[in-house]
């Protein structure tokens, strides 16, 4: 099977569940300031956020084991309330991504999310300062090279239903074109982030998050 066919098969199996990339979610328009997003809870795959015991989570997690093929990547950021200024505590972030070959591979049979999202996934919970971080590997684009490499983020606020925000994508890399930029509506803040690499070869990105407004 060719790489392109393998990628298409993988996408078909996943049904692009939970994918917030442009085109996968359609032409959702950003709500006006203070408005509630019409598709806020239309989130296939977001049930993965509920799998972890929130009480036991820390503000840091490793998504990839030490032996995972790929280039190391550190993700950090601050979660803010809807005002964009106040740090938000006790917010669970569920992240998942492709591996260094662009596939959601190695999932376990325990739940649908674990089967479909692969082994590179994890959960964190913000502290009083709103901070969070993950250590993982830099994902690759899907084998058919249809969209940029990305990392999915699902948000679970205390007492609320989970929802997706714009994925992390890497500024200046494959697929992050002017057209792609115009298609983004900054759900949860800007997901297009620059990646820098240190002398040891580790990549780093910062993805700050602004929480959505919810129905009463």
Protein backbone atom coordinates (compact mmCIF):
# COMPACT_ATOMS: atom_id res chain seq x y z
CA UNK A 1 0.00 0.00 0.00
CA UNK A 2 1.39 3.44 -0.92
CA UNK A 3 1.79 6.25 1.63
CA UNK A 4 -1.07 8.16 -0.01
CA UNK A 5 -3.40 5.20 0.11
CA UNK A 6 -2.40 4.44 3.67
CA UNK A 7 -3.21 8.02 4.65
CA UNK A 8 -6.60 7.93 2.96
CA UNK A 9 -7.43 4.64 4.62
CA UNK A 10 -6.44 6.01 8.00
CA UNK A 11 -8.56 9.09 7.49
CA UNK A 12 -11.53 7.03 6.38
CA UNK A 13 -11.26 4.90 9.48
CA UNK A 14 -11.05 7.96 11.69
CA UNK A 15 -13.80 9.84 9.91
CA UNK A 16 -11.79 12.97 10.79
CA UNK A 17 -13.36 12.78 14.24
CA UNK A 18 -12.64 15.77 16.39
CA UNK A 19 -10.53 17.41 13.66
CA UNK A 20 -10.78 21.17 13.85
CA UNK A 21 -8.69 21.85 10.78
CA UNK A 22 -10.02 24.16 8.08
CA UNK A 23 -12.17 22.18 5.70
CA UNK A 24 -12.73 19.32 8.14
CA UNK A 25 -15.15 21.38 10.22
CA UNK A 26 -16.61 23.32 7.32
CA UNK A 27 -16.83 27.07 7.03
CA UNK A 28 -17.73 27.89 10.62
CA UNK A 29 -17.71 31.61 11.20
CA UNK A 30 -16.27 33.09 14.36
CA UNK A 31 -18.96 34.39 16.70
CA UNK A 32 -19.15 38.07 17.48
CA UNK A 33 -17.45 39.24 20.67
CA UNK A 34 -19.36 37.90 23.66
CA UNK A 35 -21.45 35.52 21.54
CA UNK A 36 -21.68 31.77 22.09
CA UNK A 37 -20.27 29.58 19.35
CA UNK A 38 -23.12 27.83 17.56
CA UNK A 39 -21.14 24.58 17.14
CA UNK A 40 -19.58 24.64 20.60
CA UNK A 41 -20.65 21.14 21.62
CA UNK A 42 -20.68 19.57 18.14
CA UNK A 43 -17.56 17.63 18.86
CA UNK A 44 -17.19 14.03 17.76
CA UNK A 45 -14.32 12.51 19.69
CA UNK A 46 -14.38 15.00 22.55
CA UNK A 47 -15.53 12.25 24.89
CA UNK A 48 -11.83 11.41 25.17
CA UNK A 49 -11.50 14.35 27.55
CA UNK A 50 -13.72 12.51 30.03
CA UNK A 51 -11.54 9.40 30.25
CA UNK A 52 -9.07 10.83 32.76
CA UNK A 53 -9.75 11.33 36.46
CA UNK A 54 -9.56 15.12 36.69
CA UNK A 55 -8.80 14.98 40.41
CA UNK A 56 -5.55 13.12 39.76
CA UNK A 57 -4.23 15.26 36.89
CA UNK A 58 -1.20 17.58 37.09
CA UNK A 59 -0.48 20.60 34.93
CA UNK A 60 2.15 18.65 32.97
CA UNK A 61 1.98 15.34 31.09
CA UNK A 62 4.16 13.33 28.74
CA UNK A 63 2.26 12.22 25.65
CA UNK A 64 5.17 10.29 24.14
CA UNK A 65 7.38 7.71 25.78
CA UNK A 66 11.15 8.07 25.74
CA UNK A 67 11.45 5.58 22.88
CA UNK A 68 8.86 7.19 20.59
CA UNK A 69 10.35 7.89 17.14
CA UNK A 70 10.41 11.55 16.16
CA UNK A 71 11.78 14.91 17.21
CA UNK A 72 11.05 15.95 20.82
CA UNK A 73 8.49 18.74 21.24
CA UNK A 74 7.59 20.77 24.33
CA UNK A 75 4.20 22.53 24.44
CA UNK A 76 3.24 25.07 27.05
CA UNK A 77 0.82 27.91 27.54
CA UNK A 78 -1.68 29.65 29.77
CA UNK A 79 -5.45 29.13 29.79
CA UNK A 80 -7.49 32.30 30.29
CA UNK A 81 -11.15 32.84 31.00
CA UNK A 82 -13.33 34.31 28.26
CA UNK A 83 -12.09 37.81 29.12
CA UNK A 84 -8.68 36.83 27.73
CA UNK A 85 -6.89 38.16 30.83
CA UNK A 86 -7.76 36.08 33.90
CA UNK A 87 -5.90 32.76 34.33
CA UNK A 88 -8.33 29.83 34.49
CA UNK A 89 -7.76 27.09 37.07
CA UNK A 90 -8.85 23.42 37.01
CA UNK A 91 -9.33 23.28 33.24
CA UNK A 92 -8.62 19.87 31.69
CA UNK A 93 -6.91 19.81 28.29
CA UNK A 94 -7.05 16.58 26.30
CA UNK A 95 -4.50 16.47 23.47
CA UNK A 96 -3.85 13.88 20.76
CA UNK A 97 -1.85 13.77 17.57
CA UNK A 98 -0.33 11.73 14.76
CA UNK A 99 3.03 10.06 15.08
CA UNK A 100 6.22 10.77 13.09
CA UNK A 101 4.64 9.01 10.09
CA UNK A 102 1.44 11.04 10.17
CA UNK A 103 -0.74 8.25 11.56
CA UNK A 104 -2.92 7.84 14.67
CA UNK A 105 -1.28 4.54 15.52
CA UNK A 106 -0.94 2.22 18.48
CA UNK A 107 -4.27 2.94 20.13
CA UNK A 108 -5.66 0.57 22.74
CA UNK A 109 -9.04 -1.19 22.53
CA UNK A 110 -10.37 0.15 25.84
CA UNK A 111 -12.43 3.03 24.43
CA UNK A 112 -13.37 4.41 21.04
CA UNK A 113 -11.17 7.47 21.60
CA UNK A 114 -8.16 5.35 22.56
CA UNK A 115 -8.61 3.22 19.42
CA UNK A 116 -9.08 6.14 17.06
CA UNK A 117 -6.69 8.71 18.51
CA UNK A 118 -3.68 6.42 18.83
CA UNK A 119 -1.09 6.22 21.58
CA UNK A 120 0.09 9.85 21.43
CA UNK A 121 -2.43 11.49 23.71
CA UNK A 122 -2.58 12.94 27.19
CA UNK A 123 -4.42 15.03 29.77
CA UNK A 124 -3.41 17.95 31.96
CA UNK A 125 -5.25 20.20 34.42
CA UNK A 126 -4.33 23.83 34.92
CA UNK A 127 -3.30 25.16 38.30
CA UNK A 128 -4.23 28.48 39.85
CA UNK A 129 -1.93 30.28 37.39
CA UNK A 130 -3.68 28.72 34.37
CA UNK A 131 -0.44 27.16 33.15
CA UNK A 132 -0.09 23.78 31.43
CA UNK A 133 2.52 21.84 29.45
CA UNK A 134 3.00 18.63 27.46
CA UNK A 135 6.10 16.80 26.28
CA UNK A 136 5.65 14.81 23.10
CA UNK A 137 7.14 14.47 19.59
CA UNK A 138 6.57 16.74 16.62
CA UNK A 139 3.73 15.23 14.56
CA UNK A 140 3.92 14.69 10.82
CA UNK A 141 1.22 15.66 8.31
CA UNK A 142 -1.13 12.91 7.14
CA UNK A 143 0.62 10.66 4.59
CA UNK A 144 -1.47 12.08 1.74
CA UNK A 145 -0.25 15.61 2.62
CA UNK A 146 -3.72 17.16 2.64
CA UNK A 147 -3.42 19.45 5.68
CA UNK A 148 -0.66 20.74 7.97
CA UNK A 149 0.80 18.71 10.80
CA UNK A 150 -1.36 19.42 13.84
CA UNK A 151 -2.17 18.57 17.45
CA UNK A 152 -5.82 18.36 18.53
CA UNK A 153 -6.94 20.08 21.74
CA UNK A 154 -10.19 19.43 23.59
CA UNK A 155 -11.19 21.58 26.57
CA UNK A 156 -13.13 20.43 29.63
CA UNK A 157 -14.02 23.17 32.10
CA UNK A 158 -15.39 22.32 35.57
CA UNK A 159 -19.11 21.59 35.34
CA UNK A 160 -19.21 22.03 31.54
CA UNK A 161 -19.34 19.80 28.48
CA UNK A 162 -16.12 19.27 26.49
CA UNK A 163 -15.49 21.21 23.30
CA UNK A 164 -12.77 21.50 20.67
CA UNK A 165 -10.61 24.50 19.88
CA UNK A 166 -8.35 25.23 16.92
CA UNK A 167 -5.51 22.74 16.66
CA UNK A 168 -1.87 23.61 17.10
CA UNK A 169 -0.22 24.02 13.69
CA UNK A 170 3.32 25.19 13.05
CA UNK A 171 3.79 28.65 11.57
CA UNK A 172 5.84 28.68 8.35
CA UNK A 173 5.62 24.93 7.80
CA UNK A 174 3.83 22.75 5.25
CA UNK A 175 0.25 23.73 4.54
CA UNK A 176 0.12 26.90 6.65
CA UNK A 177 -0.61 29.05 3.63
CA UNK A 178 -2.27 32.48 3.38
CA UNK A 179 -5.48 30.68 2.42
CA UNK A 180 -5.22 28.47 5.47
CA UNK A 181 -4.69 31.51 7.69
CA UNK A 182 -7.78 33.21 6.27
CA UNK A 183 -9.86 30.12 7.03
CA UNK A 184 -9.01 30.16 10.74
CA UNK A 185 -11.48 31.73 13.19
CA UNK A 186 -9.32 31.51 16.31
CA UNK A 187 -11.50 29.17 18.33
CA UNK A 188 -9.89 29.19 21.76
CA UNK A 189 -7.32 31.71 20.57
CA UNK A 190 -4.75 31.48 17.81
CA UNK A 191 -3.55 27.93 17.13
CA UNK A 192 -0.95 28.92 14.50
CA UNK A 193 2.23 29.06 16.57
CA UNK A 194 5.93 29.41 15.75
CA UNK A 195 8.12 26.43 16.61
CA UNK A 196 11.68 27.03 17.79
CA UNK A 197 14.40 24.44 18.29
CA UNK A 198 17.14 24.57 20.90
CA UNK A 199 20.74 23.41 20.65
CA UNK A 200 19.74 19.91 21.78
CA UNK A 201 17.23 19.59 18.95
CA UNK A 202 14.09 19.92 21.06
CA UNK A 203 11.24 21.90 19.52
CA UNK A 204 9.11 24.25 21.64
CA UNK A 205 5.77 25.98 21.05
CA UNK A 206 3.49 28.13 23.20
CA UNK A 207 -0.27 27.81 22.70
CA UNK A 208 -2.27 30.13 24.95
CA UNK A 209 -5.99 29.38 25.20
CA UNK A 210 -9.01 31.63 25.71
CA UNK A 211 -12.03 29.74 27.01
CA UNK A 212 -15.32 29.92 25.14
CA UNK A 213 -18.54 31.35 26.49
CA UNK A 214 -21.22 28.78 27.34
CA UNK A 215 -25.01 28.71 27.32
CA UNK A 216 -26.48 29.33 30.78
